[in-house]
Amino acid sequence: RQMCIRDSRKLIPALYNLFKFGRLNKFSVLGVARSELNDETFREKMREALLETEETTPETLDAFCSHLYYQAVNTSDAADYGKLVPRLEELHTKYQTNGNTLYYMSTPPSLYGVIPECLAAHGLNEEKDGWKRIIVEKPFGYDEKTAQELDVQIHRFFEEHQIYRICLLYTSDAADD
């Protein structure tokens, strides 16, 4: 599976643990954000974050991090998303993911409508070569009206079966209830 992500506070540790226990094999992670990083810098940042939170061995950590890649993209410029096409093709080939791609949006709600449109401008939402899914982290909009507007925007470019909405807002009070 191919994953394009912006945020790694919860996702990278979760993927690492799946990898560590042999539950994640043919995959790569393509981190996408505005920051000008390269693959090695991104891997080092993720390695440092994992060392702070996870029990690991150098071998397992290195093996996992070898699956991590990075591409700087201006997230509000549709033309800049063209950089993703050759990177994704390269990673799909290298890891034999059959074109399957999971986009994980951990962004401000103001970009929830922009990113799907920019992906679609380069055919990155089309399922002719593997499935395409998009995960949207809540909060989904700022209120009911903006949530409905965002839902319409996303549905212009992704079908319902392609869209997943998740909530990662956990508190100890909620966990205690």
Protein backbone atom coordinates (compact mmCIF):
# COMPACT_ATOMS: atom_id res chain seq x y z
CA ARG A 1 0.00 0.00 0.00
CA GLN A 2 1.06 3.52 -0.73
CA MET A 3 0.39 6.21 1.83
CA CYS A 4 0.68 9.94 1.44
CA ILE A 5 0.65 11.67 4.74
CA ARG A 6 1.27 15.05 6.19
CA ASP A 7 1.20 14.41 9.92
CA SER A 8 2.91 11.61 11.82
CA ARG A 9 2.16 12.05 15.50
CA LYS A 10 -0.10 9.01 15.61
CA LEU A 11 0.09 7.45 12.16
CA ILE A 12 3.82 6.71 11.92
CA PRO A 13 3.94 4.95 15.33
CA ALA A 14 0.86 2.92 14.37
CA LEU A 15 2.42 1.91 11.06
CA TYR A 16 5.71 1.14 12.79
CA ASN A 17 3.99 -1.25 15.18
CA LEU A 18 2.18 -3.00 12.34
CA PHE A 19 5.55 -3.37 10.60
CA LYS A 20 7.32 -4.53 13.77
CA PHE A 21 4.80 -7.32 14.27
CA GLY A 22 4.90 -8.43 10.63
CA ARG A 23 1.48 -7.04 9.71
CA LEU A 24 2.70 -4.53 7.12
CA ASN A 25 4.85 -5.71 4.23
CA LYS A 26 4.44 -4.19 0.76
CA PHE A 27 4.15 -0.50 1.56
CA SER A 28 5.79 2.86 1.41
CA VAL A 29 4.97 6.14 3.08
CA LEU A 30 5.30 9.33 1.08
CA GLY A 31 5.17 12.27 3.47
CA VAL A 32 3.84 15.36 1.72
CA ALA A 33 3.94 18.89 3.09
CA ARG A 34 5.19 22.38 2.30
CA SER A 35 8.46 22.02 4.22
CA GLU A 36 11.53 21.59 2.05
CA LEU A 37 12.82 18.22 3.28
CA ASN A 38 14.42 15.32 1.46
CA ASP A 39 13.91 11.60 2.04
CA GLU A 40 16.83 11.28 4.46
CA THR A 41 15.83 14.28 6.57
CA PHE A 42 12.26 13.00 6.75
CA ARG A 43 13.46 9.53 7.76
CA GLU A 44 15.67 11.01 10.47
CA LYS A 45 12.79 13.06 11.89
CA MET A 46 10.55 9.99 11.95
CA ARG A 47 13.35 7.85 13.44
CA GLU A 48 13.84 10.38 16.26
CA ALA A 49 10.11 10.54 16.94
CA LEU A 50 9.86 6.74 17.08
CA LEU A 51 12.86 6.46 19.42
CA GLU A 52 11.04 8.75 21.85
CA THR A 53 7.81 6.76 21.91
CA GLU A 54 8.41 3.15 20.81
CA GLU A 55 10.35 0.14 21.96
CA THR A 56 12.52 -0.74 19.01
CA THR A 57 15.72 -2.31 17.80
CA PRO A 58 18.10 -0.55 15.41
CA GLU A 59 17.51 -3.22 12.75
CA THR A 60 13.72 -2.97 12.87
CA LEU A 61 13.78 0.80 12.98
CA ASP A 62 16.15 1.02 10.02
CA ALA A 63 14.10 -1.48 8.02
CA PHE A 64 10.90 0.48 8.68
CA CYS A 65 12.46 3.86 7.92
CA SER A 66 13.75 2.56 4.59
CA HIS A 67 10.08 2.62 3.48
CA LEU A 68 9.70 6.35 4.27
CA TYR A 69 9.96 9.02 1.58
CA TYR A 70 9.17 12.70 1.32
CA GLN A 71 7.97 15.16 -1.29
CA ALA A 72 7.62 18.91 -0.73
CA VAL A 73 4.43 20.25 -2.32
CA ASN A 74 2.67 23.56 -2.06
CA THR A 75 -0.59 22.07 -0.80
CA SER A 76 -2.74 24.83 -2.29
CA ASP A 77 -1.14 24.83 -5.78
CA ALA A 78 -2.69 22.22 -8.08
CA ALA A 79 0.27 22.29 -10.49
CA ASP A 80 2.69 21.39 -7.70
CA TYR A 81 0.84 18.10 -7.11
CA GLY A 82 2.26 16.97 -10.44
CA LYS A 83 5.43 16.16 -8.48
CA LEU A 84 3.53 13.31 -6.83
CA VAL A 85 2.83 11.43 -10.05
CA PRO A 86 6.39 10.21 -10.79
CA ARG A 87 7.15 9.69 -7.09
CA LEU A 88 4.08 7.51 -6.61
CA GLU A 89 4.77 5.58 -9.81
CA GLU A 90 8.34 4.94 -8.66
CA LEU A 91 7.21 3.74 -5.23
CA HIS A 92 4.37 1.60 -6.60
CA THR A 93 6.88 -0.15 -8.83
CA LYS A 94 9.54 -0.55 -6.13
CA TYR A 95 7.13 -1.94 -3.52
CA GLN A 96 4.71 -3.71 -5.90
CA THR A 97 1.65 -2.01 -4.44
CA ASN A 98 -0.45 -2.37 -7.61
CA GLY A 99 -1.27 1.34 -7.55
CA ASN A 100 -3.15 1.12 -4.26
CA THR A 101 -2.92 4.50 -2.55
CA LEU A 102 -4.18 5.83 0.76
CA TYR A 103 -4.11 9.61 1.20
CA TYR A 104 -4.15 10.65 4.84
CA MET A 105 -5.15 14.28 5.34
CA SER A 106 -4.15 15.68 8.67
CA THR A 107 -4.55 19.29 7.67
CA PRO A 108 -6.57 22.33 8.62
CA PRO A 109 -10.17 22.01 7.41
CA SER A 110 -9.52 24.87 5.00
CA LEU A 111 -7.46 22.44 2.87
CA TYR A 112 -9.98 19.55 2.92
CA GLY A 113 -11.60 20.78 -0.27
CA VAL A 114 -8.37 21.95 -1.91
CA ILE A 115 -6.30 18.77 -1.59
CA PRO A 116 -8.82 16.39 -3.23
CA GLU A 117 -9.23 18.83 -6.12
CA CYS A 118 -5.46 19.08 -6.57
CA LEU A 119 -5.05 15.30 -6.44
CA ALA A 120 -7.83 14.90 -9.00
CA ALA A 121 -6.20 17.46 -11.31
CA HIS A 122 -3.46 14.85 -11.84
CA GLY A 123 -5.72 11.78 -11.90
CA LEU A 124 -4.51 10.70 -8.46
CA ASN A 125 -8.09 9.91 -7.40
CA GLU A 126 -8.80 7.53 -10.28
CA GLU A 127 -9.03 3.83 -9.56
CA LYS A 128 -7.99 2.51 -12.97
CA ASP A 129 -4.65 1.34 -11.48
CA GLY A 130 -5.43 0.18 -7.95
CA TRP A 131 -7.74 1.53 -5.31
CA LYS A 132 -7.54 5.08 -4.02
CA ARG A 133 -8.75 6.06 -0.56
CA ILE A 134 -8.68 9.33 1.32
CA ILE A 135 -8.77 9.66 5.10
CA VAL A 136 -9.94 12.94 6.57
CA GLU A 137 -9.21 13.67 10.21
CA LYS A 138 -11.90 15.40 12.20
CA PRO A 139 -12.77 18.08 13.08
CA PHE A 140 -14.51 18.04 9.74
CA GLY A 141 -15.27 21.72 9.21
CA TYR A 142 -15.87 24.37 11.80
CA ASP A 143 -19.62 23.82 12.20
CA GLU A 144 -22.43 21.84 10.56
CA LYS A 145 -22.66 24.19 7.56
CA THR A 146 -18.93 24.07 6.75
CA ALA A 147 -18.88 20.32 7.32
CA GLN A 148 -21.62 19.87 4.72
CA GLU A 149 -19.81 22.18 2.29
CA LEU A 150 -16.56 20.21 2.72
CA ASP A 151 -18.40 16.95 2.19
CA VAL A 152 -19.76 18.27 -1.12
CA GLN A 153 -16.28 19.48 -2.15
CA ILE A 154 -14.64 16.13 -1.41
CA HIS A 155 -17.41 14.24 -3.21
CA ARG A 156 -16.70 16.23 -6.37
CA PHE A 157 -13.44 14.27 -6.66
CA PHE A 158 -13.80 11.10 -4.56
CA GLU A 159 -16.70 8.68 -4.33
CA GLU A 160 -18.15 7.77 -0.94
CA HIS A 161 -16.50 4.33 -0.91
CA GLN A 162 -13.14 6.11 -1.20
CA ILE A 163 -13.66 8.48 1.76
CA TYR A 164 -12.93 7.68 5.39
CA ARG A 165 -13.52 10.15 8.21
CA ILE A 166 -11.76 9.55 11.49
CA CYS A 167 -11.54 11.29 14.82
CA LEU A 168 -8.25 11.31 16.71
CA LEU A 169 -9.31 13.67 19.48
CA TYR A 170 -8.73 11.60 22.60
CA THR A 171 -8.71 12.86 26.14
CA SER A 172 -8.24 11.02 29.39
CA ASP A 173 -11.73 12.13 30.45
CA ALA A 174 -13.25 10.56 27.35
CA ALA A 175 -11.24 7.38 27.87
CA ASP A 176 -12.41 7.18 31.49
CA ASP A 177 -16.09 7.41 30.49
